[in-house]
């Protein structure tokens, strides 16, 4: 398994953007979106709206995924 980031295009508020995440983060991000009954674009939009503007979207997604994985009720 490669630790190199993989770039995917997302649509946020009607605009296309690219996000680079390691495959393990993409996999878990997709799983969380499915669990919540959302698309990855919808979940990314939710994270984008809540993030600090000084923090990049990719970093915000990584932290979101990590916090979900570390939550006491996760798994």
PDB file of N, CA and C in Angstrom:
ATOM      1  N   UNK A   1       0.845  -1.175   0.000  1.00  0.00           N
ATOM      2  CA  UNK A   1       0.000   0.000   0.000  1.00  0.00           C
ATOM      3  C   UNK A   1       0.891   1.238   0.000  1.00  0.00           C
ATOM      4  N   UNK A   2       0.583   2.144  -0.889  1.00  0.00           N
ATOM      5  CA  UNK A   2       1.374   3.368  -1.017  1.00  0.00           C
ATOM      6  C   UNK A   2       0.871   4.434  -0.058  1.00  0.00           C
ATOM      7  N   UNK A   3       1.789   5.169   0.517  1.00  0.00           N
ATOM      8  CA  UNK A   3       1.436   6.280   1.383  1.00  0.00           C
ATOM      9  C   UNK A   3       1.353   7.593   0.622  1.00  0.00           C
ATOM     10  N   UNK A   4       1.499   7.504  -0.695  1.00  0.00           N
ATOM     11  CA  UNK A   4       1.469   8.722  -1.510  1.00  0.00           C
ATOM     12  C   UNK A   4       0.036   9.225  -1.643  1.00  0.00           C
ATOM     13  N   UNK A   5      -0.139  10.541  -1.578  1.00  0.00           N
ATOM     14  CA  UNK A   5      -1.477  11.103  -1.774  1.00  0.00           C
ATOM     15  C   UNK A   5      -1.999  10.845  -3.185  1.00  0.00           C
ATOM     16  N   UNK A   6      -3.302  10.634  -3.255  1.00  0.00           N
ATOM     17  CA  UNK A   6      -3.993  10.413  -4.523  1.00  0.00           C
ATOM     18  C   UNK A   6      -4.971  11.572  -4.700  1.00  0.00           C
ATOM     19  N   UNK A   7      -4.932  12.211  -5.859  1.00  0.00           N
ATOM     20  CA  UNK A   7      -5.786  13.371  -6.122  1.00  0.00           C
ATOM     21  C   UNK A   7      -7.133  12.920  -6.684  1.00  0.00           C
ATOM     22  N   UNK A   8      -8.202  13.462  -6.104  1.00  0.00           N
ATOM     23  CA  UNK A   8      -9.567  13.228  -6.593  1.00  0.00           C
ATOM     24  C   UNK A   8     -10.251  14.576  -6.724  1.00  0.00           C
ATOM     25  N   UNK A   9     -11.166  14.658  -7.682  1.00  0.00           N
ATOM     26  CA  UNK A   9     -11.949  15.883  -7.852  1.00  0.00           C
ATOM     27  C   UNK A   9     -13.227  15.785  -7.032  1.00  0.00           C
ATOM     28  N   UNK A  10     -13.575  16.882  -6.392  1.00  0.00           N
ATOM     29  CA  UNK A  10     -14.815  17.001  -5.632  1.00  0.00           C
ATOM     30  C   UNK A  10     -15.555  18.229  -6.129  1.00  0.00           C
ATOM     31  N   UNK A  11     -16.859  18.252  -5.905  1.00  0.00           N
ATOM     32  CA  UNK A  11     -17.657  19.424  -6.230  1.00  0.00           C
ATOM     33  C   UNK A  11     -18.196  19.991  -4.930  1.00  0.00           C
ATOM     34  N   UNK A  12     -17.806  21.234  -4.638  1.00  0.00           N
ATOM     35  CA  UNK A  12     -18.247  21.923  -3.427  1.00  0.00           C
ATOM     36  C   UNK A  12     -18.957  23.199  -3.834  1.00  0.00           C
ATOM     37  N   UNK A  13     -20.198  23.336  -3.435  1.00  0.00           N
ATOM     38  CA  UNK A  13     -20.992  24.531  -3.767  1.00  0.00           C
ATOM     39  C   UNK A  13     -20.990  24.797  -5.267  1.00  0.00           C
ATOM     40  N   UNK A  14     -21.074  23.743  -6.057  1.00  0.00           N
ATOM     41  CA  UNK A  14     -21.134  23.881  -7.507  1.00  0.00           C
ATOM     42  C   UNK A  14     -19.804  24.102  -8.200  1.00  0.00           C
ATOM     43  N   UNK A  15     -18.712  24.102  -7.452  1.00  0.00           N
ATOM     44  CA  UNK A  15     -17.387  24.322  -8.034  1.00  0.00           C
ATOM     45  C   UNK A  15     -16.519  23.089  -7.851  1.00  0.00           C
ATOM     46  N   UNK A  16     -15.776  22.745  -8.898  1.00  0.00           N
ATOM     47  CA  UNK A  16     -14.865  21.604  -8.836  1.00  0.00           C
ATOM     48  C   UNK A  16     -13.583  22.006  -8.126  1.00  0.00           C
ATOM     49  N   UNK A  17     -13.087  21.093  -7.304  1.00  0.00           N
ATOM     50  CA  UNK A  17     -11.811  21.289  -6.640  1.00  0.00           C
ATOM     51  C   UNK A  17     -11.120  19.945  -6.531  1.00  0.00           C
ATOM     52  N   UNK A  18      -9.834  19.950  -6.417  1.00  0.00           N
ATOM     53  CA  UNK A  18      -9.076  18.707  -6.265  1.00  0.00           C
ATOM     54  C   UNK A  18      -8.555  18.615  -4.843  1.00  0.00           C
ATOM     55  N   UNK A  19      -8.615  17.400  -4.313  1.00  0.00           N
ATOM     56  CA  UNK A  19      -8.113  17.131  -2.965  1.00  0.00           C
ATOM     57  C   UNK A  19      -7.194  15.927  -3.051  1.00  0.00           C
ATOM     58  N   UNK A  20      -6.024  16.039  -2.444  1.00  0.00           N
ATOM     59  CA  UNK A  20      -5.062  14.939  -2.412  1.00  0.00           C
ATOM     60  C   UNK A  20      -5.022  14.348  -1.012  1.00  0.00           C
ATOM     61  N   UNK A  21      -5.376  13.067  -0.927  1.00  0.00           N
ATOM     62  CA  UNK A  21      -5.337  12.321   0.331  1.00  0.00           C
ATOM     63  C   UNK A  21      -4.718  10.962   0.072  1.00  0.00           C
ATOM     64  N   UNK A  22      -4.117  10.396   1.090  1.00  0.00           N
ATOM     65  CA  UNK A  22      -3.616   9.031   1.001  1.00  0.00           C
ATOM     66  C   UNK A  22      -4.819   8.085   0.857  1.00  0.00           C
ATOM     67  N   UNK A  23      -4.608   6.968   0.172  1.00  0.00           N
ATOM     68  CA  UNK A  23      -5.706   6.048  -0.134  1.00  0.00           C
ATOM     69  C   UNK A  23      -6.446   5.582   1.126  1.00  0.00           C
ATOM     70  N   UNK A  24      -5.727   5.378   2.225  1.00  0.00           N
ATOM     71  CA  UNK A  24      -6.380   4.948   3.461  1.00  0.00           C
ATOM     72  C   UNK A  24      -7.387   5.997   3.940  1.00  0.00           C
ATOM     73  N   UNK A  25      -7.073   7.279   3.767  1.00  0.00           N
ATOM     74  CA  UNK A  25      -8.017   8.331   4.144  1.00  0.00           C
ATOM     75  C   UNK A  25      -9.200   8.368   3.184  1.00  0.00           C
ATOM     76  N   UNK A  26      -8.967   8.187   1.874  1.00  0.00           N
ATOM     77  CA  UNK A  26     -10.082   8.154   0.921  1.00  0.00           C
ATOM     78  C   UNK A  26     -11.032   7.005   1.251  1.00  0.00           C
ATOM     79  N   UNK A  27     -10.471   5.846   1.543  1.00  0.00           N
ATOM     80  CA  UNK A  27     -11.301   4.678   1.856  1.00  0.00           C
ATOM     81  C   UNK A  27     -12.190   4.942   3.064  1.00  0.00           C
ATOM     82  N   UNK A  28     -11.589   5.450   4.126  1.00  0.00           N
ATOM     83  CA  UNK A  28     -12.346   5.705   5.350  1.00  0.00           C
ATOM     84  C   UNK A  28     -13.318   6.864   5.160  1.00  0.00           C
ATOM     85  N   UNK A  29     -12.937   7.866   4.404  1.00  0.00           N
ATOM     86  CA  UNK A  29     -13.826   8.996   4.115  1.00  0.00           C
ATOM     87  C   UNK A  29     -15.075   8.512   3.373  1.00  0.00           C
ATOM     88  N   UNK A  30     -14.885   7.655   2.374  1.00  0.00           N
ATOM     89  CA  UNK A  30     -16.026   7.083   1.640  1.00  0.00           C
ATOM     90  C   UNK A  30     -16.919   6.261   2.569  1.00  0.00           C
ATOM     91  N   UNK A  31     -16.297   5.483   3.464  1.00  0.00           N
ATOM     92  CA  UNK A  31     -17.061   4.637   4.383  1.00  0.00           C
ATOM     93  C   UNK A  31     -17.913   5.505   5.317  1.00  0.00           C
ATOM     94  N   UNK A  32     -17.335   6.568   5.840  1.00  0.00           N
ATOM     95  CA  UNK A  32     -18.064   7.464   6.742  1.00  0.00           C
ATOM     96  C   UNK A  32     -19.223   8.125   5.996  1.00  0.00           C
ATOM     97  N   UNK A  33     -18.974   8.604   4.782  1.00  0.00           N
ATOM     98  CA  UNK A  33     -20.029   9.236   3.988  1.00  0.00           C
ATOM     99  C   UNK A  33     -21.180   8.253   3.775  1.00  0.00           C
ATOM    100  N   UNK A  34     -20.858   7.026   3.417  1.00  0.00           N
ATOM    101  CA  UNK A  34     -21.891   6.014   3.195  1.00  0.00           C
ATOM    102  C   UNK A  34     -22.655   5.737   4.494  1.00  0.00           C
ATOM    103  N   UNK A  35     -21.930   5.617   5.588  1.00  0.00           N
ATOM    104  CA  UNK A  35     -22.555   5.365   6.896  1.00  0.00           C
ATOM    105  C   UNK A  35     -23.532   6.473   7.263  1.00  0.00           C
ATOM    106  N   UNK A  36     -23.205   7.702   6.883  1.00  0.00           N
ATOM    107  CA  UNK A  36     -24.056   8.843   7.193  1.00  0.00           C
ATOM    108  C   UNK A  36     -25.104   9.111   6.110  1.00  0.00           C
ATOM    109  N   UNK A  37     -25.128   8.265   5.076  1.00  0.00           N
ATOM    110  CA  UNK A  37     -26.105   8.432   4.007  1.00  0.00           C
ATOM    111  C   UNK A  37     -25.839   9.650   3.149  1.00  0.00           C
ATOM    112  N   UNK A  38     -24.557   9.988   2.990  1.00  0.00           N
ATOM    113  CA  UNK A  38     -24.162  11.164   2.227  1.00  0.00           C
ATOM    114  C   UNK A  38     -23.233  10.762   1.091  1.00  0.00           C
ATOM    115  N   UNK A  39     -23.108  11.658   0.128  1.00  0.00           N
ATOM    116  CA  UNK A  39     -22.080  11.499  -0.893  1.00  0.00           C
ATOM    117  C   UNK A  39     -20.773  12.039  -0.322  1.00  0.00           C
ATOM    118  N   UNK A  40     -19.654  11.699  -0.952  1.00  0.00           N
ATOM    119  CA  UNK A  40     -18.397  12.274  -0.474  1.00  0.00           C
ATOM    120  C   UNK A  40     -18.371  13.781  -0.745  1.00  0.00           C
ATOM    121  N   UNK A  41     -19.034  14.231  -1.808  1.00  0.00           N
ATOM    122  CA  UNK A  41     -19.124  15.675  -2.057  1.00  0.00           C
ATOM    123  C   UNK A  41     -19.898  16.365  -0.942  1.00  0.00           C
ATOM    124  N   UNK A  42     -20.989  15.750  -0.499  1.00  0.00           N
ATOM    125  CA  UNK A  42     -21.790  16.330   0.573  1.00  0.00           C
ATOM    126  C   UNK A  42     -21.023  16.394   1.881  1.00  0.00           C
ATOM    127  N   UNK A  43     -20.320  15.315   2.205  1.00  0.00           N
ATOM    128  CA  UNK A  43     -19.545  15.295   3.441  1.00  0.00           C
ATOM    129  C   UNK A  43     -18.378  16.281   3.359  1.00  0.00           C
ATOM    130  N   UNK A  44     -17.725  16.349   2.210  1.00  0.00           N
ATOM    131  CA  UNK A  44     -16.636  17.309   2.033  1.00  0.00           C
ATOM    132  C   UNK A  44     -17.155  18.739   2.157  1.00  0.00           C
ATOM    133  N   UNK A  45     -18.343  19.014   1.636  1.00  0.00           N
ATOM    134  CA  UNK A  45     -18.934  20.349   1.756  1.00  0.00           C
ATOM    135  C   UNK A  45     -19.197  20.689   3.211  1.00  0.00           C
ATOM    136  N   UNK A  46     -19.709  19.717   3.966  1.00  0.00           N
ATOM    137  CA  UNK A  46     -19.968  19.941   5.390  1.00  0.00           C
ATOM    138  C   UNK A  46     -18.666  20.271   6.134  1.00  0.00           C
ATOM    139  N   UNK A  47     -17.621  19.516   5.845  1.00  0.00           N
ATOM    140  CA  UNK A  47     -16.315  19.765   6.471  1.00  0.00           C
ATOM    141  C   UNK A  47     -15.769  21.115   6.029  1.00  0.00           C
ATOM    142  N   UNK A  48     -15.917  21.430   4.755  1.00  0.00           N
ATOM    143  CA  UNK A  48     -15.421  22.691   4.212  1.00  0.00           C
ATOM    144  C   UNK A  48     -16.080  23.885   4.901  1.00  0.00           C
ATOM    145  N   UNK A  49     -17.387  23.810   5.123  1.00  0.00           N
ATOM    146  CA  UNK A  49     -18.097  24.924   5.757  1.00  0.00           C
ATOM    147  C   UNK A  49     -17.692  25.102   7.217  1.00  0.00           C
ATOM    148  N   UNK A  50     -17.300  24.019   7.888  1.00  0.00           N
ATOM    149  CA  UNK A  50     -16.980  24.077   9.316  1.00  0.00           C
ATOM    150  C   UNK A  50     -15.499  24.359   9.600  1.00  0.00           C
ATOM    151  N   UNK A  51     -14.653  24.248   8.587  1.00  0.00           N
ATOM    152  CA  UNK A  51     -13.212  24.343   8.842  1.00  0.00           C
ATOM    153  C   UNK A  51     -12.735  25.773   9.017  1.00  0.00           C
ATOM    154  N   UNK A  52     -11.624  25.895   9.692  1.00  0.00           N
ATOM    155  CA  UNK A  52     -10.924  27.176   9.825  1.00  0.00           C
ATOM    156  C   UNK A  52     -10.398  27.545   8.442  1.00  0.00           C
ATOM    157  N   UNK A  53     -10.633  28.758   7.970  1.00  0.00           N
ATOM    158  CA  UNK A  53     -10.167  29.125   6.628  1.00  0.00           C
ATOM    159  C   UNK A  53      -8.652  29.072   6.454  1.00  0.00           C
ATOM    160  N   UNK A  54      -7.916  29.044   7.561  1.00  0.00           N
ATOM    161  CA  UNK A  54      -6.457  28.957   7.479  1.00  0.00           C
ATOM    162  C   UNK A  54      -5.966  27.517   7.371  1.00  0.00           C
ATOM    163  N   UNK A  55      -6.891  26.561   7.431  1.00  0.00           N
ATOM    164  CA  UNK A  55      -6.540  25.138   7.348  1.00  0.00           C
ATOM    165  C   UNK A  55      -7.078  24.606   6.027  1.00  0.00           C
ATOM    166  N   UNK A  56      -6.250  23.906   5.288  1.00  0.00           N
ATOM    167  CA  UNK A  56      -6.661  23.367   3.991  1.00  0.00           C
ATOM    168  C   UNK A  56      -7.715  22.287   4.118  1.00  0.00           C
ATOM    169  N   UNK A  57      -8.461  22.089   3.047  1.00  0.00           N
ATOM    170  CA  UNK A  57      -9.522  21.090   3.037  1.00  0.00           C
ATOM    171  C   UNK A  57      -8.975  19.687   3.250  1.00  0.00           C
ATOM    172  N   UNK A  58      -7.873  19.341   2.591  1.00  0.00           N
ATOM    173  CA  UNK A  58      -7.309  17.992   2.750  1.00  0.00           C
ATOM    174  C   UNK A  58      -6.937  17.731   4.208  1.00  0.00           C
ATOM    175  N   UNK A  59      -6.309  18.687   4.849  1.00  0.00           N
ATOM    176  CA  UNK A  59      -5.951  18.536   6.265  1.00  0.00           C
ATOM    177  C   UNK A  59      -7.202  18.395   7.120  1.00  0.00           C
ATOM    178  N   UNK A  60      -8.218  19.174   6.822  1.00  0.00           N
ATOM    179  CA  UNK A  60      -9.467  19.110   7.582  1.00  0.00           C
ATOM    180  C   UNK A  60     -10.136  17.750   7.427  1.00  0.00           C
ATOM    181  N   UNK A  61     -10.088  17.189   6.226  1.00  0.00           N
ATOM    182  CA  UNK A  61     -10.668  15.858   6.010  1.00  0.00           C
ATOM    183  C   UNK A  61      -9.874  14.816   6.789  1.00  0.00           C
ATOM    184  N   UNK A  62      -8.545  14.891   6.751  1.00  0.00           N
ATOM    185  CA  UNK A  62      -7.720  13.936   7.502  1.00  0.00           C
ATOM    186  C   UNK A  62      -8.042  13.987   8.999  1.00  0.00           C
ATOM    187  N   UNK A  63      -8.143  15.191   9.553  1.00  0.00           N
ATOM    188  CA  UNK A  63      -8.444  15.337  10.978  1.00  0.00           C
ATOM    189  C   UNK A  63      -9.841  14.799  11.276  1.00  0.00           C
ATOM    190  N   UNK A  64     -10.811  15.080  10.416  1.00  0.00           N
ATOM    191  CA  UNK A  64     -12.166  14.566  10.588  1.00  0.00           C
ATOM    192  C   UNK A  64     -12.158  13.043  10.639  1.00  0.00           C
ATOM    193  N   UNK A  65     -11.488  12.421   9.674  1.00  0.00           N
ATOM    194  CA  UNK A  65     -11.423  10.957   9.610  1.00  0.00           C
ATOM    195  C   UNK A  65     -10.727  10.404  10.854  1.00  0.00           C
ATOM    196  N   UNK A  66      -9.623  11.006  11.242  1.00  0.00           N
ATOM    197  CA  UNK A  66      -8.885  10.546  12.412  1.00  0.00           C
ATOM    198  C   UNK A  66      -9.714  10.697  13.684  1.00  0.00           C
ATOM    199  N   UNK A  67     -10.377  11.842  13.851  1.00  0.00           N
ATOM    200  CA  UNK A  67     -11.206  12.034  15.039  1.00  0.00           C
ATOM    201  C   UNK A  67     -12.338  11.024  15.087  1.00  0.00           C
ATOM    202  N   UNK A  68     -12.926  10.699  13.931  1.00  0.00           N
ATOM    203  CA  UNK A  68     -13.979   9.685  13.885  1.00  0.00           C
ATOM    204  C   UNK A  68     -13.437   8.331  14.305  1.00  0.00           C
ATOM    205  N   UNK A  69     -12.228   8.013  13.832  1.00  0.00           N
ATOM    206  CA  UNK A  69     -11.634   6.712  14.150  1.00  0.00           C
ATOM    207  C   UNK A  69     -11.284   6.607  15.630  1.00  0.00           C
ATOM    208  N   UNK A  70     -10.947   7.724  16.262  1.00  0.00           N
ATOM    209  CA  UNK A  70     -10.543   7.724  17.657  1.00  0.00           C
ATOM    210  C   UNK A  70     -11.684   7.955  18.634  1.00  0.00           C
ATOM    211  N   UNK A  71     -12.878   8.245  18.108  1.00  0.00           N
ATOM    212  CA  UNK A  71     -14.031   8.503  18.973  1.00  0.00           C
ATOM    213  C   UNK A  71     -14.346   7.247  19.795  1.00  0.00           C
ATOM    214  N   UNK A  72     -14.713   7.426  21.067  1.00  0.00           N
ATOM    215  CA  UNK A  72     -14.988   6.289  21.946  1.00  0.00           C
ATOM    216  C   UNK A  72     -16.017   5.296  21.398  1.00  0.00           C
ATOM    217  N   UNK A  73     -17.005   5.787  20.644  1.00  0.00           N
ATOM    218  CA  UNK A  73     -18.041   4.893  20.123  1.00  0.00           C
ATOM    219  C   UNK A  73     -17.752   4.405  18.713  1.00  0.00           C
ATOM    220  N   UNK A  74     -16.562   4.699  18.189  1.00  0.00           N
ATOM    221  CA  UNK A  74     -16.198   4.249  16.835  1.00  0.00           C
ATOM    222  C   UNK A  74     -15.949   2.741  16.834  1.00  0.00           C
ATOM    223  N   UNK A  75     -16.343   2.131  15.730  1.00  0.00           N
ATOM    224  CA  UNK A  75     -16.069   0.713  15.559  1.00  0.00           C
ATOM    225  C   UNK A  75     -17.067  -0.106  16.252  1.00  0.00           C
TER     226      UNK A  75
END
